[in-house]
Amino acid sequence: MQRDTRQRRAIRRVFLNAGRPLTREEVLKYGQRIVPSLGVATVYRNVKILAGEGWLSEVELPGGGLRYELADRPHHHHFLCRSCDQAFDVHRCPDEVEALAPDGFEVDSHELILFGRCAACT
């Protein structure tokens, strides 16, 4: 069991308030608003620990690098802004996605990633 430090509480708060997948660099940026002395090594170490404990899950987006989000989220997809490189949640899942599989194939899971420009970049 890891100690519940001020830095770890700040990192948790960042994820609880974010509502979207974050890079470790974004966690550092937002975490330093809460604890100005928060360092990059502390963020990397704690994100790894929180993912190992199952509190965070990894989100891999093509061309977007590794991100993290709360692990207890229901099934959802992502949007990656090609302009600012921020990832956002897509809260709807197309009903007909399984119908896209070739005849005779059985779909057991799927991942949908939308690319474009976010509202702030348009």
C-alpha atoms as a PDB file:
ATOM      1  CA  MET A   1       0.000   0.000   0.000  1.00  0.00           C
ATOM      2  CA  GLN A   2       1.407   3.355  -1.049  1.00  0.00           C
ATOM      3  CA  ARG A   3       1.255   6.453   1.129  1.00  0.00           C
ATOM      4  CA  ASP A   4      -1.466   8.944   0.298  1.00  0.00           C
ATOM      5  CA  THR A   5       0.721  11.998  -0.230  1.00  0.00           C
ATOM      6  CA  ARG A   6      -0.302  15.519  -1.175  1.00  0.00           C
ATOM      7  CA  GLN A   7       1.167  14.914  -4.644  1.00  0.00           C
ATOM      8  CA  ARG A   8      -0.810  11.691  -5.146  1.00  0.00           C
ATOM      9  CA  ARG A   9      -4.019  13.393  -4.005  1.00  0.00           C
ATOM     10  CA  ALA A  10      -3.356  16.175  -6.545  1.00  0.00           C
ATOM     11  CA  ILE A  11      -2.815  13.618  -9.321  1.00  0.00           C
ATOM     12  CA  ARG A  12      -6.047  11.824  -8.408  1.00  0.00           C
ATOM     13  CA  ARG A  13      -7.893  15.138  -8.357  1.00  0.00           C
ATOM     14  CA  VAL A  14      -6.587  15.983 -11.827  1.00  0.00           C
ATOM     15  CA  PHE A  15      -8.051  12.746 -13.207  1.00  0.00           C
ATOM     16  CA  LEU A  16     -11.324  13.113 -11.313  1.00  0.00           C
ATOM     17  CA  ASN A  17     -11.808  16.615 -12.758  1.00  0.00           C
ATOM     18  CA  ALA A  18     -10.474  15.996 -16.275  1.00  0.00           C
ATOM     19  CA  GLY A  19     -13.316  14.021 -17.836  1.00  0.00           C
ATOM     20  CA  ARG A  20     -10.995  12.904 -20.634  1.00  0.00           C
ATOM     21  CA  PRO A  21      -7.826  10.853 -21.173  1.00  0.00           C
ATOM     22  CA  LEU A  22      -4.636  12.674 -20.192  1.00  0.00           C
ATOM     23  CA  THR A  23      -0.964  12.356 -21.052  1.00  0.00           C
ATOM     24  CA  ARG A  24       1.471  12.345 -18.162  1.00  0.00           C
ATOM     25  CA  GLU A  25       2.593  15.787 -19.325  1.00  0.00           C
ATOM     26  CA  GLU A  26      -0.974  17.079 -19.008  1.00  0.00           C
ATOM     27  CA  VAL A  27      -1.206  15.530 -15.532  1.00  0.00           C
ATOM     28  CA  LEU A  28       1.975  17.396 -14.591  1.00  0.00           C
ATOM     29  CA  LYS A  29       0.674  20.697 -15.974  1.00  0.00           C
ATOM     30  CA  TYR A  30      -2.711  20.485 -14.226  1.00  0.00           C
ATOM     31  CA  GLY A  31      -1.244  18.945 -11.074  1.00  0.00           C
ATOM     32  CA  GLN A  32       1.202  21.829 -10.654  1.00  0.00           C
ATOM     33  CA  ARG A  33      -1.792  24.155 -10.402  1.00  0.00           C
ATOM     34  CA  ILE A  34      -2.722  22.263  -7.240  1.00  0.00           C
ATOM     35  CA  VAL A  35       0.773  21.480  -5.920  1.00  0.00           C
ATOM     36  CA  PRO A  36       3.293  23.820  -7.622  1.00  0.00           C
ATOM     37  CA  SER A  37       6.262  21.678  -6.523  1.00  0.00           C
ATOM     38  CA  LEU A  38       4.903  18.546  -8.265  1.00  0.00           C
ATOM     39  CA  GLY A  39       7.693  17.026 -10.348  1.00  0.00           C
ATOM     40  CA  VAL A  40       7.745  14.981 -13.520  1.00  0.00           C
ATOM     41  CA  ALA A  41       9.264  11.896 -11.835  1.00  0.00           C
ATOM     42  CA  THR A  42       6.524  11.969  -9.178  1.00  0.00           C
ATOM     43  CA  VAL A  43       3.828  12.129 -11.853  1.00  0.00           C
ATOM     44  CA  TYR A  44       5.346   9.267 -13.873  1.00  0.00           C
ATOM     45  CA  ARG A  45       5.812   7.087 -10.770  1.00  0.00           C
ATOM     46  CA  ASN A  46       2.338   7.730  -9.372  1.00  0.00           C
ATOM     47  CA  VAL A  47       0.530   7.292 -12.683  1.00  0.00           C
ATOM     48  CA  LYS A  48       2.286   3.933 -13.052  1.00  0.00           C
ATOM     49  CA  ILE A  49       1.285   2.948  -9.511  1.00  0.00           C
ATOM     50  CA  LEU A  50      -2.329   4.074  -9.963  1.00  0.00           C
ATOM     51  CA  ALA A  51      -2.548   2.116 -13.221  1.00  0.00           C
ATOM     52  CA  GLY A  52      -1.029  -0.932 -11.517  1.00  0.00           C
ATOM     53  CA  GLU A  53      -3.614  -0.669  -8.733  1.00  0.00           C
ATOM     54  CA  GLY A  54      -6.379  -0.581 -11.339  1.00  0.00           C
ATOM     55  CA  TRP A  55      -7.456   2.986 -10.543  1.00  0.00           C
ATOM     56  CA  LEU A  56      -6.299   4.206 -13.971  1.00  0.00           C
ATOM     57  CA  SER A  57      -6.355   2.476 -17.335  1.00  0.00           C
ATOM     58  CA  GLU A  58      -4.102   3.063 -20.309  1.00  0.00           C
ATOM     59  CA  VAL A  59      -5.522   4.559 -23.491  1.00  0.00           C
ATOM     60  CA  GLU A  60      -3.433   4.015 -26.616  1.00  0.00           C
ATOM     61  CA  LEU A  61      -4.368   6.242 -29.533  1.00  0.00           C
ATOM     62  CA  PRO A  62      -2.568   5.914 -32.888  1.00  0.00           C
ATOM     63  CA  GLY A  63      -0.208   8.823 -33.329  1.00  0.00           C
ATOM     64  CA  GLY A  64      -1.339  10.266 -30.025  1.00  0.00           C
ATOM     65  CA  GLY A  65       0.880   8.527 -27.519  1.00  0.00           C
ATOM     66  CA  LEU A  66      -0.089   6.822 -24.277  1.00  0.00           C
ATOM     67  CA  ARG A  67      -2.753   8.438 -22.112  1.00  0.00           C
ATOM     68  CA  TYR A  68      -4.548   7.494 -18.927  1.00  0.00           C
ATOM     69  CA  GLU A  69      -8.123   7.736 -17.681  1.00  0.00           C
ATOM     70  CA  LEU A  70     -10.178   6.503 -14.742  1.00  0.00           C
ATOM     71  CA  ALA A  71     -10.502   2.740 -14.964  1.00  0.00           C
ATOM     72  CA  ASP A  72     -14.105   2.467 -13.838  1.00  0.00           C
ATOM     73  CA  ARG A  73     -15.497   4.169 -16.937  1.00  0.00           C
ATOM     74  CA  PRO A  74     -18.227   2.457 -18.950  1.00  0.00           C
ATOM     75  CA  HIS A  75     -17.530   1.450 -22.568  1.00  0.00           C
ATOM     76  CA  HIS A  76     -16.768   4.508 -24.699  1.00  0.00           C
ATOM     77  CA  HIS A  77     -14.607   5.699 -27.583  1.00  0.00           C
ATOM     78  CA  HIS A  78     -12.245   8.590 -28.194  1.00  0.00           C
ATOM     79  CA  PHE A  79     -11.696  11.646 -30.379  1.00  0.00           C
ATOM     80  CA  LEU A  80      -8.125  12.842 -30.974  1.00  0.00           C
ATOM     81  CA  CYS A  81      -7.598  16.427 -32.087  1.00  0.00           C
ATOM     82  CA  ARG A  82      -4.939  16.560 -34.803  1.00  0.00           C
ATOM     83  CA  SER A  83      -4.294  20.209 -34.014  1.00  0.00           C
ATOM     84  CA  CYS A  84      -3.756  20.335 -30.219  1.00  0.00           C
ATOM     85  CA  ASP A  85      -3.233  16.565 -29.635  1.00  0.00           C
ATOM     86  CA  GLN A  86      -5.828  16.450 -26.846  1.00  0.00           C
ATOM     87  CA  ALA A  87      -8.009  13.366 -26.513  1.00  0.00           C
ATOM     88  CA  PHE A  88     -11.696  13.518 -25.658  1.00  0.00           C
ATOM     89  CA  ASP A  89     -14.333  10.939 -24.838  1.00  0.00           C
ATOM     90  CA  VAL A  90     -16.994  10.003 -27.361  1.00  0.00           C
ATOM     91  CA  HIS A  91     -19.998   9.027 -25.295  1.00  0.00           C
ATOM     92  CA  ARG A  92     -22.031   7.232 -27.953  1.00  0.00           C
ATOM     93  CA  CYS A  93     -21.277   3.924 -29.557  1.00  0.00           C
ATOM     94  CA  PRO A  94     -22.677   3.183 -33.028  1.00  0.00           C
ATOM     95  CA  ASP A  95     -25.267   0.417 -32.839  1.00  0.00           C
ATOM     96  CA  GLU A  96     -24.324  -1.159 -36.156  1.00  0.00           C
ATOM     97  CA  VAL A  97     -20.569  -1.510 -35.609  1.00  0.00           C
ATOM     98  CA  GLU A  98     -20.713  -5.336 -35.449  1.00  0.00           C
ATOM     99  CA  ALA A  99     -22.412  -5.366 -38.866  1.00  0.00           C
ATOM    100  CA  LEU A 100     -19.201  -3.950 -40.380  1.00  0.00           C
ATOM    101  CA  ALA A 101     -17.346  -7.229 -39.832  1.00  0.00           C
ATOM    102  CA  PRO A 102     -16.943  -9.551 -42.840  1.00  0.00           C
ATOM    103  CA  ASP A 103     -19.507 -12.341 -43.236  1.00  0.00           C
ATOM    104  CA  GLY A 104     -18.853 -15.224 -40.900  1.00  0.00           C
ATOM    105  CA  PHE A 105     -16.799 -13.181 -38.448  1.00  0.00           C
ATOM    106  CA  GLU A 106     -17.799 -12.818 -34.806  1.00  0.00           C
ATOM    107  CA  VAL A 107     -17.029  -9.487 -33.100  1.00  0.00           C
ATOM    108  CA  ASP A 108     -16.143  -9.777 -29.415  1.00  0.00           C
ATOM    109  CA  SER A 109     -15.022  -6.167 -28.879  1.00  0.00           C
ATOM    110  CA  HIS A 110     -14.317  -2.992 -30.796  1.00  0.00           C
ATOM    111  CA  GLU A 111     -12.552   0.359 -30.570  1.00  0.00           C
ATOM    112  CA  LEU A 112     -13.554   3.467 -32.451  1.00  0.00           C
ATOM    113  CA  ILE A 113     -11.265   6.487 -32.711  1.00  0.00           C
ATOM    114  CA  LEU A 114     -12.350   9.711 -34.376  1.00  0.00           C
ATOM    115  CA  PHE A 115      -9.747  12.170 -35.667  1.00  0.00           C
ATOM    116  CA  GLY A 116     -10.183  15.829 -36.487  1.00  0.00           C
ATOM    117  CA  ARG A 117     -10.089  19.214 -34.797  1.00  0.00           C
ATOM    118  CA  CYS A 118     -11.695  19.888 -31.411  1.00  0.00           C
ATOM    119  CA  ALA A 119     -14.051  22.802 -30.744  1.00  0.00           C
ATOM    120  CA  ALA A 120     -11.193  24.951 -29.416  1.00  0.00           C
ATOM    121  CA  CYS A 121      -9.128  24.411 -32.580  1.00  0.00           C
ATOM    122  CA  THR A 122     -11.839  24.942 -35.201  1.00  0.00           C
END
